[in-house]
Amino acid sequence: MSLRLQHALEALYGLERRRDKHDLEGTIALLRALGDPHRRFRSVHVAGTNGKGSVCALIERVLREAGYRTGLYTSPHLVDFRERIRVNGRWADEAWLERRLERIASLPEGKDPTFFEVCTALAFDYFAEQQVEIAVVEVGLGGRLDCTNVLTPEVSVITSLGLDHTELLGDTLEKIAAEKAGIIKPVVPVVVGTIERSPLAIVERIAADRGAPVSHVEPLALLEATATGQRVTIAATPWGEMILELAMVGDHQRGNAATALGTLAAFAGAGFRLPAQAVRDGFAAAHWPGRLERSPAEPRLWWDGAHNAQGIAALAASWSGAGLPAPGAAILAISQDKDLDGMLDPLAALAPGGLLVASRTRSERALEPARIADAARAAGMRAQLAPDVVTGCRMALNAAGPHAPVLLTGSLFAVGEAMEAFGGAPGEML
């Protein structure tokens, strides 16, 4: 990355530290100043507590295999900002980002934006310029007031609902459901993943009020599972009975794949050309970095960006379901707003007797390791402190011995910092 772009991005990160707005006015004004680029491509809009990234990756890869020129907008990035904005799997051009960041900074509407307003404007501007046909867009936070909620997509998707970001979205699943369902647009089809009955009723009521038909996904049946993927089948699809290879591990990824398949079925039902072979090839090729992966440089080290209690529970089930031995040690680094006790419970059950290394990322929102260690000891776990993620990984590897695996989790920021030291960072092509 050029020094010029690095400086521009440092200024952009400063916007995140300065303040945080929760409305669409700034996004709308900034996009209008750029010529409303979000009106020049079709889209699918994906909200949810967990699973958004994996669902987006699956949908985008199938659409790409079917011959569409695709955009993919996700957050956060793991190592390089350009991971967030991709066209046909390739991240955004460096020189273009430099020019457009300067352009946005010169606009009256660009004088007081938030970090995510600028990111979203950059993504939509790039998609328009690159003549993207269909963009797969992940909601950043919530839905109703998220910057991405200026789109009128072909399909809206809600992957899952859990208690996360409660200080902004509400402290019950029903309140969070209402925020996520804010992406539902009049008459636009909605696909929902596995959601509990009470919050699901909120989603269905909002959809009914807006005349938006709701589709519920059919589970995928497991045929075979390995440590690196799984083979699944489903009887009822627009393409008939299908057997699919999935390069993602765990029960929760079968749920994500079912949600992606339901979304693609909605596209097919709307007349989009999606051959069965494109679905098979896309599912087999799609991957989403930072989710239950092994470090290429240190085979004993695994990482997963699970960042809430629901995510850690799914990680623990996936780990056991893949037949992996119990971790000899785990590294946990989380943000201040997370349910620490709720995250420790499944982690303690996954690694009984193992050491917990309490660490922190470079983020200003990181929870201090001492807080994590105190809670872990209160839960009956052995705990040590590490000042940073890389040191924590090395401490855990030493403590676990030469054969036992080690798990890093709690934050995608933590995974990204480990990737910088131990390899595995997403490349220019996804």
Protein backbone atom coordinates (compact mmCIF):
# COMPACT_ATOMS: atom_id res chain seq x y z
CA MET A 1 0.00 0.00 0.00
CA SER A 2 1.35 3.43 -0.94
CA LEU A 3 2.33 5.92 1.75
CA ARG A 4 -0.21 8.37 0.31
CA LEU A 5 -3.08 5.92 0.68
CA GLN A 6 -1.87 4.94 4.14
CA HIS A 7 -2.04 8.58 5.26
CA ALA A 8 -5.52 8.98 3.75
CA LEU A 9 -6.71 5.86 5.56
CA GLU A 10 -5.21 7.04 8.85
CA ALA A 11 -7.29 10.20 8.49
CA LEU A 12 -10.31 8.01 7.74
CA TYR A 13 -9.73 5.92 10.86
CA GLY A 14 -9.64 9.19 12.79
CA LEU A 15 -13.29 9.71 11.85
CA GLU A 16 -14.16 6.50 13.68
CA ARG A 17 -12.46 7.75 16.83
CA ARG A 18 -14.05 11.20 16.66
CA ARG A 19 -17.73 10.40 16.87
CA ASP A 20 -20.48 8.06 15.85
CA LYS A 21 -23.78 9.09 14.24
CA HIS A 22 -26.79 6.83 13.98
CA ASP A 23 -28.87 8.16 11.11
CA LEU A 24 -28.87 8.07 7.32
CA GLU A 25 -28.75 11.80 6.62
CA GLY A 26 -24.98 12.03 6.21
CA THR A 27 -24.85 8.98 3.96
CA ILE A 28 -27.67 10.24 1.76
CA ALA A 29 -26.05 13.68 1.41
CA LEU A 30 -22.63 12.24 0.60
CA LEU A 31 -24.02 9.82 -1.97
CA ARG A 32 -26.07 12.60 -3.56
CA ALA A 33 -22.89 14.68 -3.93
CA LEU A 34 -21.27 11.70 -5.68
CA GLY A 35 -24.17 11.31 -8.11
CA ASP A 36 -26.17 8.67 -6.22
CA PRO A 37 -23.97 5.73 -7.29
CA HIS A 38 -26.08 3.28 -5.24
CA ARG A 39 -28.85 3.63 -7.82
CA ARG A 40 -26.65 2.27 -10.63
CA PHE A 41 -26.41 -1.39 -9.62
CA ARG A 42 -28.68 -4.09 -8.26
CA SER A 43 -28.02 -5.52 -4.83
CA VAL A 44 -28.76 -8.01 -2.10
CA HIS A 45 -28.72 -6.59 1.44
CA VAL A 46 -27.66 -8.87 4.32
CA ALA A 47 -28.27 -8.13 8.02
CA GLY A 48 -27.99 -10.36 11.09
CA THR A 49 -26.10 -10.84 14.35
CA ASN A 50 -23.86 -13.66 13.12
CA GLY A 51 -23.19 -15.29 9.77
CA LYS A 52 -23.46 -12.20 7.56
CA GLY A 53 -19.97 -12.49 6.10
CA SER A 54 -20.23 -16.17 5.25
CA VAL A 55 -23.67 -15.72 3.69
CA CYS A 56 -22.40 -12.78 1.63
CA ALA A 57 -19.36 -14.74 0.47
CA LEU A 58 -21.49 -17.68 -0.67
CA ILE A 59 -24.03 -15.53 -2.52
CA GLU A 60 -21.37 -13.43 -4.23
CA ARG A 61 -19.36 -16.42 -5.39
CA VAL A 62 -22.37 -18.16 -6.93
CA LEU A 63 -23.42 -14.97 -8.72
CA ARG A 64 -19.88 -14.60 -10.01
CA GLU A 65 -19.82 -18.21 -11.21
CA ALA A 66 -23.10 -17.52 -13.03
CA GLY A 67 -21.36 -14.79 -15.04
CA TYR A 68 -22.54 -11.65 -13.23
CA ARG A 69 -20.13 -8.84 -12.50
CA THR A 70 -20.31 -8.69 -8.71
CA GLY A 71 -19.52 -6.29 -5.92
CA LEU A 72 -18.92 -7.34 -2.33
CA TYR A 73 -18.96 -4.89 0.58
CA THR A 74 -18.19 -6.27 4.04
CA SER A 75 -16.71 -5.18 7.35
CA PRO A 76 -14.45 -5.14 9.21
CA HIS A 77 -11.30 -5.97 7.30
CA LEU A 78 -8.75 -8.35 8.77
CA VAL A 79 -5.43 -6.91 7.58
CA ASP A 80 -5.94 -4.53 4.63
CA PHE A 81 -8.70 -1.93 4.27
CA ARG A 82 -9.15 -2.90 0.62
CA GLU A 83 -10.62 -6.27 1.70
CA ARG A 84 -13.87 -4.42 2.44
CA ILE A 85 -14.58 -3.45 -1.18
CA ARG A 86 -14.26 -6.07 -3.93
CA VAL A 87 -15.36 -6.39 -7.55
CA ASN A 88 -15.44 -9.91 -8.98
CA GLY A 89 -13.49 -11.02 -5.92
CA ARG A 90 -10.64 -8.50 -6.34
CA TRP A 91 -10.18 -5.72 -3.83
CA ALA A 92 -10.52 -2.05 -4.76
CA ASP A 93 -7.80 -0.37 -6.78
CA GLU A 94 -5.30 1.55 -4.64
CA ALA A 95 -4.93 4.58 -6.93
CA TRP A 96 -8.70 4.90 -7.26
CA LEU A 97 -9.13 4.86 -3.47
CA GLU A 98 -6.53 7.62 -3.12
CA ARG A 99 -8.32 9.82 -5.65
CA ARG A 100 -11.81 9.25 -4.27
CA LEU A 101 -10.80 9.82 -0.65
CA GLU A 102 -9.36 13.17 -1.74
CA ARG A 103 -12.54 13.91 -3.69
CA ILE A 104 -14.78 13.11 -0.72
CA ALA A 105 -12.64 15.24 1.61
CA SER A 106 -13.04 18.19 -0.79
CA LEU A 107 -16.85 18.02 -0.79
CA PRO A 108 -18.95 20.13 1.60
CA GLU A 109 -20.84 16.91 2.40
CA GLY A 110 -17.52 15.24 3.21
CA LYS A 111 -16.46 17.71 5.90
CA ASP A 112 -18.02 15.95 8.90
CA PRO A 113 -18.69 12.29 8.01
CA THR A 114 -18.30 9.16 10.08
CA PHE A 115 -15.87 6.41 9.17
CA PHE A 116 -18.62 4.10 7.96
CA GLU A 117 -20.34 6.82 5.93
CA VAL A 118 -17.12 7.31 3.96
CA CYS A 119 -16.52 3.56 3.62
CA THR A 120 -20.04 2.99 2.31
CA ALA A 121 -19.84 5.90 -0.12
CA LEU A 122 -16.49 4.60 -1.40
CA ALA A 123 -17.89 1.11 -1.93
CA PHE A 124 -21.02 2.23 -3.78
CA ASP A 125 -19.04 4.74 -5.85
CA TYR A 126 -16.56 2.03 -6.83
CA PHE A 127 -19.29 -0.44 -7.73
CA ALA A 128 -20.97 2.12 -9.98
CA GLU A 129 -17.72 3.06 -11.71
CA GLN A 130 -16.80 -0.61 -12.20
CA GLN A 131 -20.24 -1.30 -13.72
CA VAL A 132 -21.13 -3.93 -11.16
CA GLU A 133 -24.36 -5.74 -12.02
CA ILE A 134 -25.17 -7.11 -8.55
CA ALA A 135 -23.57 -6.01 -5.27
CA VAL A 136 -23.76 -8.15 -2.15
CA VAL A 137 -23.80 -5.70 0.74
CA GLU A 138 -23.34 -6.56 4.40
CA VAL A 139 -24.97 -4.34 7.02
CA GLY A 140 -22.39 -2.83 9.33
CA LEU A 141 -24.44 -2.51 12.53
CA GLY A 142 -28.13 -3.15 13.11
CA GLY A 143 -30.05 -2.35 9.97
CA ARG A 144 -32.65 0.40 10.28
CA LEU A 145 -30.13 3.22 10.70
CA ASP A 146 -27.10 1.55 9.14
CA CYS A 147 -25.38 3.52 6.37
CA THR A 148 -26.05 0.72 3.87
CA ASN A 149 -29.81 1.06 4.34
CA VAL A 150 -30.10 3.49 1.44
CA LEU A 151 -30.36 0.54 -0.95
CA THR A 152 -33.50 -0.90 -2.48
CA PRO A 153 -32.26 -4.44 -3.06
CA GLU A 154 -33.58 -7.36 -5.06
CA VAL A 155 -33.63 -9.45 -1.88
CA SER A 156 -33.25 -8.58 1.82
CA VAL A 157 -31.69 -11.16 4.14
CA ILE A 158 -31.64 -11.57 7.93
CA THR A 159 -29.23 -14.35 8.85
CA SER A 160 -29.68 -14.68 12.62
CA LEU A 161 -30.58 -12.76 15.76
CA GLY A 162 -28.65 -12.63 19.02
CA LEU A 163 -27.89 -10.25 21.87
CA ASP A 164 -25.05 -8.06 20.64
CA HIS A 165 -24.47 -4.29 20.52
CA THR A 166 -27.32 -4.03 23.02
CA GLU A 167 -26.33 -0.49 24.00
CA LEU A 168 -27.33 0.62 20.48
CA LEU A 169 -29.85 -1.95 19.28
CA GLY A 170 -31.78 -2.79 22.43
CA ASP A 171 -31.51 -5.32 25.23
CA THR A 172 -34.02 -7.91 23.99
CA LEU A 173 -34.16 -10.10 20.90
CA GLU A 174 -37.45 -8.44 19.97
CA LYS A 175 -35.88 -4.95 19.97
CA ILE A 176 -32.90 -6.20 17.99
CA ALA A 177 -35.26 -7.90 15.52
CA ALA A 178 -37.02 -4.59 14.90
CA GLU A 179 -33.68 -2.90 14.16
CA LYS A 180 -32.50 -5.65 11.82
CA ALA A 181 -35.87 -5.75 10.07
CA GLY A 182 -35.43 -2.07 9.30
CA ILE A 183 -33.73 -3.14 6.06
CA ILE A 184 -37.01 -4.61 4.75
CA LYS A 185 -38.32 -2.59 1.80
CA PRO A 186 -41.85 -2.51 0.35
CA VAL A 187 -42.60 -5.64 -1.74
CA VAL A 188 -38.91 -6.73 -1.74
CA PRO A 189 -38.62 -10.46 -0.86
CA VAL A 190 -37.09 -11.28 2.53
CA VAL A 191 -35.12 -14.43 3.35
CA VAL A 192 -34.65 -15.28 7.04
CA GLY A 193 -32.33 -17.80 8.63
CA THR A 194 -32.97 -19.67 11.86
CA ILE A 195 -34.58 -17.18 14.26
CA GLU A 196 -36.48 -17.81 17.49
CA ARG A 197 -40.26 -17.56 17.34
CA SER A 198 -40.81 -14.32 19.27
CA PRO A 199 -38.29 -12.13 17.38
CA LEU A 200 -39.28 -13.87 14.13
CA ALA A 201 -42.83 -12.64 14.71
CA ILE A 202 -41.48 -9.07 14.80
CA VAL A 203 -39.69 -9.57 11.48
CA GLU A 204 -42.77 -11.11 9.89
CA ARG A 205 -45.04 -8.30 11.12
CA ILE A 206 -42.76 -5.61 9.70
CA ALA A 207 -42.51 -7.52 6.42
CA ALA A 208 -46.30 -7.89 6.25
CA ASP A 209 -46.77 -4.16 6.90
CA ARG A 210 -44.51 -3.47 3.91
CA GLY A 211 -45.98 -6.11 1.63
CA ALA A 212 -42.66 -7.98 1.53
CA PRO A 213 -42.95 -11.78 1.11
CA VAL A 214 -40.92 -13.81 3.63
CA SER A 215 -39.12 -17.06 2.81
CA HIS A 216 -37.88 -19.46 5.49
CA VAL A 217 -34.90 -21.62 4.58
CA GLU A 218 -34.85 -25.40 4.52
CA PRO A 219 -32.04 -27.06 6.52
CA LEU A 220 -29.16 -28.69 4.69
CA ALA A 221 -28.53 -32.31 5.66
CA LEU A 222 -24.95 -33.31 6.44
CA LEU A 223 -23.47 -36.15 4.39
CA GLU A 224 -19.84 -35.86 5.45
CA ALA A 225 -17.76 -33.48 7.59
CA THR A 226 -14.02 -32.91 7.77
CA ALA A 227 -11.75 -30.39 9.49
CA THR A 228 -11.77 -28.24 6.33
CA GLY A 229 -15.28 -28.54 4.91
CA GLN A 230 -18.45 -30.57 4.55
CA ARG A 231 -20.70 -32.25 2.04
CA VAL A 232 -24.39 -31.44 2.29
CA THR A 233 -27.64 -32.18 0.54
CA ILE A 234 -31.06 -30.60 0.17
CA ALA A 235 -34.13 -31.97 -1.58
CA ALA A 236 -36.27 -28.96 -2.50
CA THR A 237 -34.59 -26.23 -4.54
CA PRO A 238 -35.35 -24.53 -7.88
CA TRP A 239 -32.64 -26.82 -9.28
CA GLY A 240 -34.09 -30.01 -7.82
CA GLU A 241 -32.30 -32.17 -5.27
CA MET A 242 -28.71 -31.01 -4.79
CA ILE A 243 -25.51 -32.34 -3.25
CA LEU A 244 -23.13 -29.47 -2.45
CA GLU A 245 -19.51 -29.24 -1.35
CA LEU A 246 -18.99 -26.52 1.25
CA ALA A 247 -15.51 -25.24 2.13
CA MET A 248 -16.71 -24.08 5.56
CA VAL A 249 -16.88 -26.05 8.80
CA GLY A 250 -19.65 -26.46 11.36
CA ASP A 251 -23.40 -26.72 11.89
CA HIS A 252 -23.71 -22.93 11.85
CA GLN A 253 -22.13 -22.84 8.38
CA ARG A 254 -24.76 -25.28 7.15
CA GLY A 255 -27.29 -22.77 8.45
CA ASN A 256 -25.49 -19.95 6.65
CA ALA A 257 -25.35 -22.02 3.47
CA ALA A 258 -29.09 -22.68 3.71
CA THR A 259 -29.72 -18.93 4.04
CA ALA A 260 -27.49 -18.22 1.03
CA LEU A 261 -29.23 -20.93 -0.99
CA GLY A 262 -32.64 -19.51 -0.07
CA THR A 263 -31.47 -16.08 -1.23
CA LEU A 264 -30.22 -17.48 -4.53
CA ALA A 265 -33.53 -19.29 -4.97
CA ALA A 266 -35.28 -15.92 -4.58
CA PHE A 267 -33.01 -14.51 -7.30
CA ALA A 268 -33.79 -17.45 -9.57
CA GLY A 269 -37.50 -16.99 -8.90
CA ALA A 270 -37.21 -13.36 -9.98
CA GLY A 271 -35.81 -14.40 -13.34
CA PHE A 272 -32.07 -14.11 -12.76
CA ARG A 273 -30.03 -16.69 -14.67
CA LEU A 274 -28.49 -19.02 -12.10
CA PRO A 275 -27.55 -22.45 -13.52
CA ALA A 276 -27.32 -25.35 -11.08
CA GLN A 277 -23.64 -25.79 -11.91
CA ALA A 278 -22.94 -22.19 -10.87
CA VAL A 279 -24.52 -22.97 -7.48
CA ARG A 280 -22.38 -26.09 -7.08
CA ASP A 281 -19.17 -24.41 -8.20
CA GLY A 282 -19.81 -21.28 -6.15
CA PHE A 283 -20.48 -23.17 -2.94
CA ALA A 284 -17.38 -25.31 -3.44
CA ALA A 285 -15.15 -22.29 -4.11
CA ALA A 286 -16.52 -19.80 -1.55
CA HIS A 287 -14.50 -19.25 1.59
CA TRP A 288 -14.56 -16.58 4.26
CA PRO A 289 -11.21 -15.86 5.94
CA GLY A 290 -10.86 -15.79 9.70
CA ARG A 291 -13.56 -18.33 10.45
CA LEU A 292 -12.27 -21.57 12.01
CA GLU A 293 -9.04 -21.55 10.05
CA ARG A 294 -5.62 -22.99 10.73
CA SER A 295 -2.58 -20.72 10.53
CA PRO A 296 -0.47 -21.59 7.48
CA ALA A 297 2.76 -20.82 9.36
CA GLU A 298 1.88 -22.51 12.67
CA PRO A 299 -0.36 -25.58 12.13
CA ARG A 300 -1.19 -25.89 15.84
CA LEU A 301 -2.76 -22.42 15.87
CA TRP A 302 -6.40 -22.05 14.85
CA TRP A 303 -8.43 -18.87 14.85
CA ASP A 304 -12.05 -17.85 14.58
CA GLY A 305 -13.49 -14.34 14.70
CA ALA A 306 -16.49 -15.26 16.88
CA HIS A 307 -17.22 -12.04 18.77
CA ASN A 308 -20.27 -12.73 20.94
CA ALA A 309 -21.68 -15.50 23.10
CA GLN A 310 -23.77 -16.97 20.29
CA GLY A 311 -20.73 -17.01 18.00
CA ILE A 312 -18.46 -18.68 20.58
CA ALA A 313 -21.10 -21.35 21.20
CA ALA A 314 -21.30 -22.05 17.46
CA LEU A 315 -17.51 -22.16 17.27
CA ALA A 316 -17.32 -24.68 20.12
CA ALA A 317 -19.91 -26.91 18.44
CA SER A 318 -18.10 -26.68 15.11
CA TRP A 319 -14.76 -27.50 16.70
CA SER A 320 -16.14 -30.62 18.35
CA GLY A 321 -18.16 -31.57 15.27
CA ALA A 322 -15.04 -31.46 13.11
CA GLY A 323 -13.40 -34.03 15.39
CA LEU A 324 -10.62 -31.70 16.53
CA PRO A 325 -8.99 -32.47 19.90
CA ALA A 326 -9.69 -30.11 22.77
CA PRO A 327 -7.50 -27.01 22.66
CA GLY A 328 -4.55 -27.15 25.02
CA ALA A 329 -4.84 -23.39 25.40
CA ALA A 330 -7.01 -20.57 24.13
CA ILE A 331 -6.39 -16.87 23.59
CA LEU A 332 -9.33 -14.53 24.16
CA ALA A 333 -9.37 -10.85 23.15
CA ILE A 334 -12.71 -9.03 23.09
CA SER A 335 -14.25 -5.57 22.94
CA GLN A 336 -15.53 -3.75 26.02
CA ASP A 337 -19.20 -4.07 25.08
CA LYS A 338 -19.26 -7.87 24.89
CA ASP A 339 -20.89 -10.42 27.22
CA LEU A 340 -17.66 -11.77 28.71
CA ASP A 341 -19.29 -14.38 30.98
CA GLY A 342 -21.48 -15.61 28.12
CA MET A 343 -18.40 -16.04 25.94
CA LEU A 344 -16.36 -17.80 28.63
CA ASP A 345 -18.93 -20.52 29.36
CA PRO A 346 -18.73 -22.35 25.98
CA LEU A 347 -14.98 -21.70 25.78
CA ALA A 348 -14.42 -23.32 29.17
CA ALA A 349 -16.48 -26.33 28.12
CA LEU A 350 -14.51 -26.65 24.88
CA ALA A 351 -11.08 -26.56 26.59
CA PRO A 352 -11.54 -28.13 30.05
CA GLY A 353 -8.36 -27.78 32.04
CA GLY A 354 -6.71 -25.74 29.32
CA LEU A 355 -5.03 -22.41 29.87
CA LEU A 356 -6.83 -19.19 28.92
CA VAL A 357 -4.50 -16.43 27.78
CA ALA A 358 -6.28 -13.11 28.26
CA SER A 359 -5.09 -10.57 25.73
CA ARG A 360 -6.18 -7.44 23.86
CA THR A 361 -6.13 -6.03 20.36
CA ARG A 362 -4.80 -2.62 19.36
CA SER A 363 -8.37 -1.30 19.20
CA GLU A 364 -9.30 1.51 21.57
CA ARG A 365 -12.45 -0.45 22.37
CA ALA A 366 -10.55 -3.54 23.57
CA LEU A 367 -11.31 -4.92 27.03
CA GLU A 368 -8.31 -5.00 29.34
CA PRO A 369 -6.78 -8.48 29.73
CA ALA A 370 -6.95 -8.27 33.54
CA ARG A 371 -10.76 -8.07 33.34
CA ILE A 372 -10.86 -11.17 31.13
CA ALA A 373 -8.46 -13.08 33.37
CA ASP A 374 -10.39 -12.23 36.54
CA ALA A 375 -13.65 -13.45 35.00
CA ALA A 376 -11.97 -16.61 33.71
CA ARG A 377 -10.55 -17.46 37.13
CA ALA A 378 -13.95 -16.84 38.71
CA ALA A 379 -15.31 -19.39 36.23
CA GLY A 380 -12.72 -21.94 37.37
CA MET A 381 -10.28 -21.52 34.48
CA ARG A 382 -6.51 -21.11 34.62
CA ALA A 383 -5.60 -17.71 33.18
CA GLN A 384 -2.55 -15.70 32.25
CA LEU A 385 -2.17 -12.18 30.86
CA ALA A 386 -0.63 -11.17 27.55
CA PRO A 387 -0.11 -7.56 26.49
CA ASP A 388 -1.00 -8.16 22.83
CA VAL A 389 -2.44 -10.81 20.53
CA VAL A 390 0.84 -12.05 19.02
CA THR A 391 2.47 -12.45 22.44
CA GLY A 392 -0.68 -14.21 23.63
CA CYS A 393 -0.53 -16.68 20.74
CA ARG A 394 3.10 -17.50 21.49
CA MET A 395 2.37 -17.94 25.20
CA ALA A 396 -0.52 -20.27 24.42
CA LEU A 397 1.53 -22.32 21.95
CA ASN A 398 4.28 -22.78 24.54
CA ALA A 399 1.79 -23.71 27.27
CA ALA A 400 -0.13 -26.21 25.13
CA GLY A 401 2.91 -28.33 24.32
CA PRO A 402 4.07 -29.67 20.96
CA HIS A 403 0.92 -31.54 19.91
CA ALA A 404 -2.23 -29.90 21.29
CA PRO A 405 -4.02 -27.29 19.16
CA VAL A 406 -4.42 -23.70 20.28
CA LEU A 407 -7.46 -21.48 19.58
CA LEU A 408 -7.58 -17.70 19.21
CA THR A 409 -11.03 -16.10 19.30
CA GLY A 410 -13.17 -13.21 20.53
CA SER A 411 -12.62 -10.64 17.80
CA LEU A 412 -11.98 -10.34 14.08
CA PHE A 413 -9.48 -7.62 14.98
CA ALA A 414 -7.57 -10.23 17.00
CA VAL A 415 -7.61 -12.64 14.06
CA GLY A 416 -6.28 -9.92 11.78
CA GLU A 417 -3.40 -9.14 14.13
CA ALA A 418 -2.52 -12.83 14.35
CA MET A 419 -2.60 -13.11 10.56
CA GLU A 420 -0.03 -10.34 10.31
CA ALA A 421 2.38 -12.46 12.36
CA PHE A 422 1.43 -16.02 11.41
CA GLY A 423 0.18 -15.67 7.80
CA GLY A 424 -3.22 -16.39 6.33
CA ALA A 425 -4.25 -12.83 5.47
CA PRO A 426 -6.84 -12.50 2.69
CA GLY A 427 -5.14 -11.70 -0.58
CA GLU A 428 -6.11 -9.41 -3.40
CA MET A 429 -8.40 -12.12 -4.81
CA LEU A 430 -11.12 -13.83 -2.79
